[in-house]
Amino acid sequence: GRTGPIQWNTPANIQRTVDDLVMIATKLSDLPAFKALELLNEPWTTFVGGSIQVSTLMQFYQTAYSALRRSG
């Protein structure tokens, strides 16, 4: 884990996360044991004193889900 400012919630870093998730899923998709992928672990939202707005997190989940569905 990491403590302190993570600067994840910038458009460039969010898109990088989506791109990396698609890459990981694509590489693992042929493995029989591959069943699921967690999109983001313990997001540091404003609900828990963090800097990530819930609306940003919801948009990320929708974008990542759509990108992964398109990738097969």
Protein backbone atom coordinates (compact mmCIF):
# COMPACT_ATOMS: atom_id res chain seq x y z
CA GLY A 1 0.00 0.00 0.00
CA ARG A 2 0.84 3.64 -0.14
CA THR A 3 0.10 6.40 2.33
CA GLY A 4 -0.34 10.03 1.40
CA PRO A 5 -1.12 11.74 -1.89
CA ILE A 6 -1.45 9.20 -4.67
CA GLN A 7 -2.53 11.50 -7.51
CA TRP A 8 -4.53 8.70 -9.10
CA ASN A 9 -7.54 10.85 -9.81
CA THR A 10 -6.15 12.70 -12.80
CA PRO A 11 -7.56 11.91 -16.26
CA ALA A 12 -4.19 10.59 -17.47
CA ASN A 13 -3.69 8.26 -14.51
CA ILE A 14 -7.27 7.01 -14.62
CA GLN A 15 -6.89 6.19 -18.33
CA ARG A 16 -3.55 4.50 -17.64
CA THR A 17 -5.31 2.32 -15.06
CA VAL A 18 -8.02 1.38 -17.56
CA ASP A 19 -5.41 0.59 -20.23
CA ASP A 20 -3.42 -1.56 -17.79
CA LEU A 21 -6.53 -3.47 -16.71
CA VAL A 22 -7.35 -4.25 -20.34
CA MET A 23 -3.76 -5.39 -20.94
CA ILE A 24 -3.79 -7.66 -17.87
CA ALA A 25 -7.18 -9.15 -18.74
CA THR A 26 -6.12 -9.77 -22.34
CA LYS A 27 -2.94 -11.54 -21.29
CA LEU A 28 -4.72 -13.69 -18.70
CA SER A 29 -7.91 -14.44 -20.62
CA ASP A 30 -6.67 -17.77 -22.01
CA LEU A 31 -5.83 -19.17 -18.58
CA PRO A 32 -8.54 -21.52 -17.28
CA ALA A 33 -8.03 -20.29 -13.71
CA PHE A 34 -8.64 -16.64 -14.65
CA LYS A 35 -12.15 -15.80 -13.50
CA ALA A 36 -12.19 -12.19 -12.32
CA LEU A 37 -10.22 -8.99 -12.03
CA GLU A 38 -10.58 -6.41 -9.28
CA LEU A 39 -10.75 -2.98 -10.90
CA LEU A 40 -9.43 -0.95 -7.99
CA ASN A 41 -8.33 -1.98 -4.51
CA GLU A 42 -9.51 0.14 -1.59
CA PRO A 43 -10.20 3.45 -3.37
CA TRP A 44 -9.42 6.39 -1.10
CA THR A 45 -12.68 8.30 -1.48
CA THR A 46 -13.98 11.32 0.34
CA PHE A 47 -16.15 8.91 2.37
CA VAL A 48 -13.00 7.78 4.20
CA GLY A 49 -11.11 11.07 4.26
CA GLY A 50 -9.47 10.67 0.88
CA SER A 51 -9.29 12.89 -2.15
CA ILE A 52 -11.15 10.79 -4.74
CA GLN A 53 -14.67 12.04 -5.42
CA VAL A 54 -17.26 9.28 -5.54
CA SER A 55 -18.45 10.57 -8.92
CA THR A 56 -14.90 10.12 -10.27
CA LEU A 57 -14.79 6.58 -8.92
CA MET A 58 -18.18 5.72 -10.41
CA GLN A 59 -17.12 7.08 -13.81
CA PHE A 60 -13.88 5.06 -13.60
CA TYR A 61 -15.82 1.85 -12.88
CA GLN A 62 -18.14 2.47 -15.82
CA THR A 63 -15.25 3.28 -18.17
CA ALA A 64 -13.17 0.30 -17.04
CA TYR A 65 -16.11 -2.09 -17.26
CA SER A 66 -16.93 -0.93 -20.80
CA ALA A 67 -13.29 -1.16 -21.92
CA LEU A 68 -12.95 -4.68 -20.53
CA ARG A 69 -16.19 -5.81 -22.16
CA ARG A 70 -15.00 -4.44 -25.52
CA SER A 71 -11.68 -6.26 -25.17
CA GLY A 72 -13.45 -9.59 -24.93
